[in-house]
Amino acid sequence: MGLIAIEGMQFYAHHGYYYEEQKIGSQYSVDVYLRADLTQAAREDTLSKTINYENLYLICEEIMEQRAHLIEHVAQKILDRIAIEFPNLMYAKVRVAKLNPPLKGTVERVYVSLEKEFKR
């Protein structure tokens, strides 16, 4: 089993519970961690035998463009889509962070992390 990770994907999106957050938008960071059998890809040097992280990025980009109230919802949508697109996964973890959230104090980020094991 192996791990494929794509960290620090940056998106400007309009997620938020409050109207102002949805109107103005904010900077977000997304991290995805996937566990799968990478044996064939490692031996054969063949892209079709692994998880193409370009496709993974495009999934995240598409979902980040869809407005949502909660980053929990965004993370779940990414997790669900990854499960469909990559049926050989054993495990997936998605973290969506809102950078510089509009709170009274100085906060670098808030994030939600969802994960799922697949019995395949």
C-alpha atoms as a PDB file:
ATOM      1  CA  MET A   1       0.000   0.000   0.000  1.00  0.00           C
ATOM      2  CA  GLY A   2       1.187   3.530  -0.713  1.00  0.00           C
ATOM      3  CA  LEU A   3       0.249   7.107   0.027  1.00  0.00           C
ATOM      4  CA  ILE A   4      -0.373   9.825  -2.534  1.00  0.00           C
ATOM      5  CA  ALA A   5      -0.739  13.329  -1.121  1.00  0.00           C
ATOM      6  CA  ILE A   6      -1.416  16.679  -2.678  1.00  0.00           C
ATOM      7  CA  GLU A   7      -0.974  19.494  -0.177  1.00  0.00           C
ATOM      8  CA  GLY A   8      -1.480  23.212  -0.191  1.00  0.00           C
ATOM      9  CA  MET A   9      -3.811  23.586  -3.151  1.00  0.00           C
ATOM     10  CA  GLN A  10      -4.830  27.247  -3.060  1.00  0.00           C
ATOM     11  CA  PHE A  11      -8.253  28.505  -4.118  1.00  0.00           C
ATOM     12  CA  TYR A  12     -10.158  31.753  -3.834  1.00  0.00           C
ATOM     13  CA  ALA A  13     -13.772  30.816  -3.143  1.00  0.00           C
ATOM     14  CA  HIS A  14     -17.032  32.188  -1.801  1.00  0.00           C
ATOM     15  CA  HIS A  15     -17.894  29.771   1.001  1.00  0.00           C
ATOM     16  CA  GLY A  16     -19.292  30.968   4.280  1.00  0.00           C
ATOM     17  CA  TYR A  17     -22.291  31.033   6.526  1.00  0.00           C
ATOM     18  CA  TYR A  18     -22.616  34.814   6.462  1.00  0.00           C
ATOM     19  CA  TYR A  19     -23.630  36.862   3.440  1.00  0.00           C
ATOM     20  CA  GLU A  20     -20.458  38.954   3.609  1.00  0.00           C
ATOM     21  CA  GLU A  21     -18.276  35.837   3.420  1.00  0.00           C
ATOM     22  CA  GLN A  22     -20.126  34.616   0.356  1.00  0.00           C
ATOM     23  CA  LYS A  23     -20.005  38.012  -1.335  1.00  0.00           C
ATOM     24  CA  ILE A  24     -16.369  38.930  -0.654  1.00  0.00           C
ATOM     25  CA  GLY A  25     -14.863  35.436  -0.710  1.00  0.00           C
ATOM     26  CA  SER A  26     -11.723  34.209   0.953  1.00  0.00           C
ATOM     27  CA  GLN A  27      -8.545  32.238   0.388  1.00  0.00           C
ATOM     28  CA  TYR A  28      -8.693  28.493   1.054  1.00  0.00           C
ATOM     29  CA  SER A  29      -6.179  25.676   1.184  1.00  0.00           C
ATOM     30  CA  VAL A  30      -7.016  22.041   0.435  1.00  0.00           C
ATOM     31  CA  ASP A  31      -4.974  18.935   1.262  1.00  0.00           C
ATOM     32  CA  VAL A  32      -5.825  15.410   0.108  1.00  0.00           C
ATOM     33  CA  TYR A  33      -4.227  12.139   1.255  1.00  0.00           C
ATOM     34  CA  LEU A  34      -5.043   8.847  -0.472  1.00  0.00           C
ATOM     35  CA  ARG A  35      -3.954   5.291   0.289  1.00  0.00           C
ATOM     36  CA  ALA A  36      -4.046   2.726  -2.488  1.00  0.00           C
ATOM     37  CA  ASP A  37      -2.100  -0.201  -3.856  1.00  0.00           C
ATOM     38  CA  LEU A  38       0.631   1.471  -5.906  1.00  0.00           C
ATOM     39  CA  THR A  39       2.626  -1.703  -6.587  1.00  0.00           C
ATOM     40  CA  GLN A  40       1.868  -1.924 -10.322  1.00  0.00           C
ATOM     41  CA  ALA A  41       2.486   1.767 -10.909  1.00  0.00           C
ATOM     42  CA  ALA A  42       5.820   1.568  -9.097  1.00  0.00           C
ATOM     43  CA  ARG A  43       6.937  -1.509 -11.040  1.00  0.00           C
ATOM     44  CA  GLU A  44       5.607  -0.603 -14.480  1.00  0.00           C
ATOM     45  CA  ASP A  45       6.090   3.193 -14.470  1.00  0.00           C
ATOM     46  CA  THR A  46       2.575   3.579 -15.912  1.00  0.00           C
ATOM     47  CA  LEU A  47       0.311   6.516 -15.098  1.00  0.00           C
ATOM     48  CA  SER A  48      -2.867   4.514 -15.676  1.00  0.00           C
ATOM     49  CA  LYS A  49      -1.903   2.218 -12.765  1.00  0.00           C
ATOM     50  CA  THR A  50      -1.865   4.995 -10.189  1.00  0.00           C
ATOM     51  CA  ILE A  51      -3.911   7.981  -9.050  1.00  0.00           C
ATOM     52  CA  ASN A  52      -3.288  10.900 -11.347  1.00  0.00           C
ATOM     53  CA  TYR A  53      -2.873  13.901  -9.075  1.00  0.00           C
ATOM     54  CA  GLU A  54      -3.714  16.258 -11.933  1.00  0.00           C
ATOM     55  CA  ASN A  55      -7.209  14.725 -11.985  1.00  0.00           C
ATOM     56  CA  LEU A  56      -7.322  15.000  -8.215  1.00  0.00           C
ATOM     57  CA  TYR A  57      -6.533  18.720  -8.433  1.00  0.00           C
ATOM     58  CA  LEU A  58      -9.250  19.270 -11.052  1.00  0.00           C
ATOM     59  CA  ILE A  59     -11.835  17.591  -8.803  1.00  0.00           C
ATOM     60  CA  CYS A  60     -10.917  19.892  -5.927  1.00  0.00           C
ATOM     61  CA  GLU A  61     -10.920  22.957  -8.176  1.00  0.00           C
ATOM     62  CA  GLU A  62     -14.386  22.142  -9.532  1.00  0.00           C
ATOM     63  CA  ILE A  63     -15.893  21.620  -6.089  1.00  0.00           C
ATOM     64  CA  MET A  64     -14.225  24.701  -4.618  1.00  0.00           C
ATOM     65  CA  GLU A  65     -15.955  26.780  -7.307  1.00  0.00           C
ATOM     66  CA  GLN A  66     -19.384  25.672  -6.021  1.00  0.00           C
ATOM     67  CA  ARG A  67     -20.584  27.939  -3.204  1.00  0.00           C
ATOM     68  CA  ALA A  68     -21.355  26.378   0.161  1.00  0.00           C
ATOM     69  CA  HIS A  69     -22.150  27.616   3.655  1.00  0.00           C
ATOM     70  CA  LEU A  70     -19.814  25.238   5.495  1.00  0.00           C
ATOM     71  CA  ILE A  71     -16.347  23.949   4.752  1.00  0.00           C
ATOM     72  CA  GLU A  72     -17.553  20.650   6.219  1.00  0.00           C
ATOM     73  CA  HIS A  73     -19.883  20.377   3.231  1.00  0.00           C
ATOM     74  CA  VAL A  74     -17.088  21.237   0.804  1.00  0.00           C
ATOM     75  CA  ALA A  75     -14.786  18.608   2.312  1.00  0.00           C
ATOM     76  CA  GLN A  76     -17.534  15.973   2.136  1.00  0.00           C
ATOM     77  CA  LYS A  77     -18.247  16.748  -1.520  1.00  0.00           C
ATOM     78  CA  ILE A  78     -14.556  16.376  -2.365  1.00  0.00           C
ATOM     79  CA  LEU A  79     -14.359  13.099  -0.416  1.00  0.00           C
ATOM     80  CA  ASP A  80     -17.476  11.723  -2.138  1.00  0.00           C
ATOM     81  CA  ARG A  81     -16.223  12.652  -5.599  1.00  0.00           C
ATOM     82  CA  ILE A  82     -12.795  11.140  -4.973  1.00  0.00           C
ATOM     83  CA  ALA A  83     -14.440   7.889  -3.896  1.00  0.00           C
ATOM     84  CA  ILE A  84     -16.322   7.756  -7.206  1.00  0.00           C
ATOM     85  CA  GLU A  85     -13.405   8.746  -9.444  1.00  0.00           C
ATOM     86  CA  PHE A  86     -10.821   6.467  -7.843  1.00  0.00           C
ATOM     87  CA  PRO A  87     -12.538   3.149  -7.063  1.00  0.00           C
ATOM     88  CA  ASN A  88      -9.340   1.388  -5.914  1.00  0.00           C
ATOM     89  CA  LEU A  89      -8.828   3.597  -2.873  1.00  0.00           C
ATOM     90  CA  MET A  90      -8.338   2.071   0.543  1.00  0.00           C
ATOM     91  CA  TYR A  91      -8.421   5.365   2.455  1.00  0.00           C
ATOM     92  CA  ALA A  92      -8.962   9.055   1.799  1.00  0.00           C
ATOM     93  CA  LYS A  93      -8.535  12.166   3.919  1.00  0.00           C
ATOM     94  CA  VAL A  94      -9.543  15.680   2.859  1.00  0.00           C
ATOM     95  CA  ARG A  95      -8.692  18.865   4.738  1.00  0.00           C
ATOM     96  CA  VAL A  96     -10.227  22.202   3.768  1.00  0.00           C
ATOM     97  CA  ALA A  97      -8.839  25.283   5.497  1.00  0.00           C
ATOM     98  CA  LYS A  98     -10.145  28.833   5.422  1.00  0.00           C
ATOM     99  CA  LEU A  99      -7.187  31.197   5.676  1.00  0.00           C
ATOM    100  CA  ASN A 100      -7.452  34.357   7.771  1.00  0.00           C
ATOM    101  CA  PRO A 101     -11.077  33.716   8.808  1.00  0.00           C
ATOM    102  CA  PRO A 102     -13.146  36.766   9.745  1.00  0.00           C
ATOM    103  CA  LEU A 103     -12.931  36.423  13.523  1.00  0.00           C
ATOM    104  CA  LYS A 104     -12.368  39.113  16.139  1.00  0.00           C
ATOM    105  CA  GLY A 105      -8.802  38.032  16.796  1.00  0.00           C
ATOM    106  CA  THR A 106      -5.889  37.095  14.598  1.00  0.00           C
ATOM    107  CA  VAL A 107      -6.329  33.541  13.359  1.00  0.00           C
ATOM    108  CA  GLU A 108      -4.151  32.028  10.642  1.00  0.00           C
ATOM    109  CA  ARG A 109      -6.644  29.359   9.584  1.00  0.00           C
ATOM    110  CA  VAL A 110      -9.551  27.183  10.566  1.00  0.00           C
ATOM    111  CA  TYR A 111      -9.945  23.788   8.980  1.00  0.00           C
ATOM    112  CA  VAL A 112     -12.099  20.721   8.750  1.00  0.00           C
ATOM    113  CA  SER A 113     -10.657  17.290   8.125  1.00  0.00           C
ATOM    114  CA  LEU A 114     -12.778  14.336   6.995  1.00  0.00           C
ATOM    115  CA  GLU A 115     -11.545  10.841   6.309  1.00  0.00           C
ATOM    116  CA  LYS A 116     -12.937   7.543   5.147  1.00  0.00           C
ATOM    117  CA  GLU A 117     -11.736   3.945   4.892  1.00  0.00           C
ATOM    118  CA  PHE A 118     -12.980   1.866   1.990  1.00  0.00           C
ATOM    119  CA  LYS A 119     -13.697  -1.850   2.278  1.00  0.00           C
ATOM    120  CA  ARG A 120     -12.983  -2.916  -1.289  1.00  0.00           C
END
